[in-house]
């Protein structure tokens, strides 16, 4: 038996605005240098990718991407220092939550096994 966690962030109105998929999208943008390419890799529409990135930036009240419009240079996007820091801090948070949950789950299983032994 194992424990599975799904970590999401919600705003003060209890509206979920971010899950791990958005971190994957930001990483894909960082690697490809393009929102369009990253969204295609993830089988996500460009419009949906923009919508969830905009909602994230709005809820965090900071820009996570520098967006370059198309034209001769073909546009692109890159993470801001705040975007890189956000991913780094989110990874630490996620790891900490998972470690804590796994420890608590181990205690739960141990107690469950102990109850079986002492139950008639």
C-alpha atoms as a PDB file:
ATOM      1  CA  UNK A   1       0.000   0.000   0.000  1.00  0.00           C
ATOM      2  CA  UNK A   2       1.169   3.523  -0.713  1.00  0.00           C
ATOM      3  CA  UNK A   3      -0.052   7.066  -0.317  1.00  0.00           C
ATOM      4  CA  UNK A   4      -0.661   9.336  -3.329  1.00  0.00           C
ATOM      5  CA  UNK A   5      -0.816  13.101  -2.995  1.00  0.00           C
ATOM      6  CA  UNK A   6      -2.011  15.783  -5.357  1.00  0.00           C
ATOM      7  CA  UNK A   7      -0.787  19.222  -4.326  1.00  0.00           C
ATOM      8  CA  UNK A   8      -2.571  22.319  -5.585  1.00  0.00           C
ATOM      9  CA  UNK A   9      -2.432  25.986  -4.708  1.00  0.00           C
ATOM     10  CA  UNK A  10      -5.621  27.970  -4.160  1.00  0.00           C
ATOM     11  CA  UNK A  11      -6.269  31.654  -3.658  1.00  0.00           C
ATOM     12  CA  UNK A  12      -8.194  33.327  -0.824  1.00  0.00           C
ATOM     13  CA  UNK A  13     -11.476  32.625  -2.666  1.00  0.00           C
ATOM     14  CA  UNK A  14     -10.600  28.889  -2.574  1.00  0.00           C
ATOM     15  CA  UNK A  15     -10.098  28.833  -6.362  1.00  0.00           C
ATOM     16  CA  UNK A  16      -7.399  26.386  -7.402  1.00  0.00           C
ATOM     17  CA  UNK A  17      -4.959  28.109  -9.710  1.00  0.00           C
ATOM     18  CA  UNK A  18      -2.002  25.754  -9.845  1.00  0.00           C
ATOM     19  CA  UNK A  19      -1.004  22.121  -9.773  1.00  0.00           C
ATOM     20  CA  UNK A  20       2.056  20.153 -10.852  1.00  0.00           C
ATOM     21  CA  UNK A  21       1.054  20.379 -14.527  1.00  0.00           C
ATOM     22  CA  UNK A  22       1.787  24.090 -14.487  1.00  0.00           C
ATOM     23  CA  UNK A  23       5.283  23.425 -13.153  1.00  0.00           C
ATOM     24  CA  UNK A  24       5.778  20.952 -16.021  1.00  0.00           C
ATOM     25  CA  UNK A  25       4.585  23.638 -18.453  1.00  0.00           C
ATOM     26  CA  UNK A  26       6.971  26.253 -17.031  1.00  0.00           C
ATOM     27  CA  UNK A  27       9.867  23.776 -17.278  1.00  0.00           C
ATOM     28  CA  UNK A  28       8.926  22.946 -20.876  1.00  0.00           C
ATOM     29  CA  UNK A  29       8.842  26.664 -21.721  1.00  0.00           C
ATOM     30  CA  UNK A  30      12.248  27.065 -20.099  1.00  0.00           C
ATOM     31  CA  UNK A  31      13.665  24.198 -22.180  1.00  0.00           C
ATOM     32  CA  UNK A  32      12.037  25.129 -25.492  1.00  0.00           C
ATOM     33  CA  UNK A  33      12.044  28.921 -25.179  1.00  0.00           C
ATOM     34  CA  UNK A  34       8.464  28.944 -26.445  1.00  0.00           C
ATOM     35  CA  UNK A  35       4.988  28.789 -24.950  1.00  0.00           C
ATOM     36  CA  UNK A  36       3.692  27.406 -28.239  1.00  0.00           C
ATOM     37  CA  UNK A  37       6.230  24.567 -28.432  1.00  0.00           C
ATOM     38  CA  UNK A  38       5.851  23.737 -24.750  1.00  0.00           C
ATOM     39  CA  UNK A  39       2.058  23.584 -24.992  1.00  0.00           C
ATOM     40  CA  UNK A  40       2.264  21.346 -28.073  1.00  0.00           C
ATOM     41  CA  UNK A  41       4.668  18.989 -26.274  1.00  0.00           C
ATOM     42  CA  UNK A  42       2.157  18.727 -23.448  1.00  0.00           C
ATOM     43  CA  UNK A  43      -0.809  18.342 -25.823  1.00  0.00           C
ATOM     44  CA  UNK A  44      -2.302  21.524 -24.448  1.00  0.00           C
ATOM     45  CA  UNK A  45      -3.810  24.266 -26.557  1.00  0.00           C
ATOM     46  CA  UNK A  46      -1.821  27.483 -26.765  1.00  0.00           C
ATOM     47  CA  UNK A  47      -4.867  29.429 -25.533  1.00  0.00           C
ATOM     48  CA  UNK A  48      -5.228  27.149 -22.486  1.00  0.00           C
ATOM     49  CA  UNK A  49      -1.494  27.451 -21.718  1.00  0.00           C
ATOM     50  CA  UNK A  50      -1.710  31.249 -21.843  1.00  0.00           C
ATOM     51  CA  UNK A  51      -4.830  31.250 -19.673  1.00  0.00           C
ATOM     52  CA  UNK A  52      -3.308  29.150 -16.888  1.00  0.00           C
ATOM     53  CA  UNK A  53       0.004  31.045 -16.980  1.00  0.00           C
ATOM     54  CA  UNK A  54      -1.829  34.383 -16.800  1.00  0.00           C
ATOM     55  CA  UNK A  55      -3.976  33.113 -13.898  1.00  0.00           C
ATOM     56  CA  UNK A  56      -0.848  31.927 -12.065  1.00  0.00           C
ATOM     57  CA  UNK A  57       0.921  35.264 -12.541  1.00  0.00           C
ATOM     58  CA  UNK A  58      -2.197  37.122 -11.427  1.00  0.00           C
ATOM     59  CA  UNK A  59      -2.576  35.037  -8.260  1.00  0.00           C
ATOM     60  CA  UNK A  60       1.124  35.306  -7.400  1.00  0.00           C
ATOM     61  CA  UNK A  61       1.154  39.009  -8.334  1.00  0.00           C
ATOM     62  CA  UNK A  62       4.411  38.617 -10.259  1.00  0.00           C
ATOM     63  CA  UNK A  63       5.612  37.884 -13.764  1.00  0.00           C
ATOM     64  CA  UNK A  64       7.093  34.436 -14.217  1.00  0.00           C
ATOM     65  CA  UNK A  65       7.744  34.742 -17.952  1.00  0.00           C
ATOM     66  CA  UNK A  66       9.276  37.279 -20.287  1.00  0.00           C
ATOM     67  CA  UNK A  67       7.275  37.041 -23.504  1.00  0.00           C
ATOM     68  CA  UNK A  68       8.715  38.137 -26.822  1.00  0.00           C
ATOM     69  CA  UNK A  69       6.253  38.780 -29.616  1.00  0.00           C
ATOM     70  CA  UNK A  70       6.761  37.160 -33.012  1.00  0.00           C
ATOM     71  CA  UNK A  71       8.148  38.794 -36.115  1.00  0.00           C
ATOM     72  CA  UNK A  72      11.680  38.589 -37.484  1.00  0.00           C
ATOM     73  CA  UNK A  73      13.002  37.097 -34.258  1.00  0.00           C
ATOM     74  CA  UNK A  74      10.108  34.574 -34.141  1.00  0.00           C
ATOM     75  CA  UNK A  75       9.136  35.505 -30.606  1.00  0.00           C
ATOM     76  CA  UNK A  76       9.606  33.233 -27.630  1.00  0.00           C
ATOM     77  CA  UNK A  77       9.425  33.146 -23.866  1.00  0.00           C
ATOM     78  CA  UNK A  78      11.799  32.673 -20.984  1.00  0.00           C
ATOM     79  CA  UNK A  79      11.474  32.400 -17.239  1.00  0.00           C
ATOM     80  CA  UNK A  80      12.083  35.489 -15.146  1.00  0.00           C
ATOM     81  CA  UNK A  81      14.276  35.163 -12.052  1.00  0.00           C
ATOM     82  CA  UNK A  82      10.986  35.068 -10.094  1.00  0.00           C
ATOM     83  CA  UNK A  83       9.816  32.200 -12.313  1.00  0.00           C
ATOM     84  CA  UNK A  84      12.961  30.187 -11.652  1.00  0.00           C
ATOM     85  CA  UNK A  85      12.703  30.889  -7.914  1.00  0.00           C
ATOM     86  CA  UNK A  86       9.036  29.882  -7.920  1.00  0.00           C
ATOM     87  CA  UNK A  87       9.835  26.481  -9.481  1.00  0.00           C
ATOM     88  CA  UNK A  88      12.723  25.969  -7.060  1.00  0.00           C
ATOM     89  CA  UNK A  89      10.619  26.844  -4.007  1.00  0.00           C
ATOM     90  CA  UNK A  90       7.651  24.781  -5.240  1.00  0.00           C
ATOM     91  CA  UNK A  91       9.926  21.740  -5.656  1.00  0.00           C
ATOM     92  CA  UNK A  92      11.152  22.180  -2.074  1.00  0.00           C
ATOM     93  CA  UNK A  93       7.581  22.549  -0.787  1.00  0.00           C
ATOM     94  CA  UNK A  94       6.366  19.506  -2.711  1.00  0.00           C
ATOM     95  CA  UNK A  95       9.280  17.381  -1.516  1.00  0.00           C
ATOM     96  CA  UNK A  96       8.746  18.449   2.091  1.00  0.00           C
ATOM     97  CA  UNK A  97       5.014  17.697   1.969  1.00  0.00           C
ATOM     98  CA  UNK A  98       5.610  14.299   0.369  1.00  0.00           C
ATOM     99  CA  UNK A  99       8.324  13.381   2.897  1.00  0.00           C
ATOM    100  CA  UNK A 100       6.064  14.347   5.787  1.00  0.00           C
ATOM    101  CA  UNK A 101       3.100  12.458   4.319  1.00  0.00           C
ATOM    102  CA  UNK A 102       5.203   9.325   3.768  1.00  0.00           C
ATOM    103  CA  UNK A 103       6.411   9.418   7.382  1.00  0.00           C
ATOM    104  CA  UNK A 104       2.863   9.838   8.669  1.00  0.00           C
ATOM    105  CA  UNK A 105       1.654   7.078   6.359  1.00  0.00           C
ATOM    106  CA  UNK A 106       4.346   4.726   7.679  1.00  0.00           C
ATOM    107  CA  UNK A 107       3.113   5.438  11.211  1.00  0.00           C
ATOM    108  CA  UNK A 108      -0.446   4.822  10.078  1.00  0.00           C
ATOM    109  CA  UNK A 109       0.518   1.449   8.576  1.00  0.00           C
ATOM    110  CA  UNK A 110       2.518   0.510  11.667  1.00  0.00           C
ATOM    111  CA  UNK A 111      -0.424   1.359  13.920  1.00  0.00           C
ATOM    112  CA  UNK A 112      -2.771  -0.515  11.624  1.00  0.00           C
ATOM    113  CA  UNK A 113      -0.551  -3.596  11.811  1.00  0.00           C
ATOM    114  CA  UNK A 114      -0.303  -3.274  15.582  1.00  0.00           C
ATOM    115  CA  UNK A 115      -4.105  -3.096  15.829  1.00  0.00           C
ATOM    116  CA  UNK A 116      -4.388  -6.351  13.857  1.00  0.00           C
ATOM    117  CA  UNK A 117      -2.051  -8.109  16.249  1.00  0.00           C
ATOM    118  CA  UNK A 118      -3.895  -6.934  19.385  1.00  0.00           C
ATOM    119  CA  UNK A 119      -7.438  -7.315  17.977  1.00  0.00           C
ATOM    120  CA  UNK A 120      -9.384 -10.455  18.916  1.00  0.00           C
END
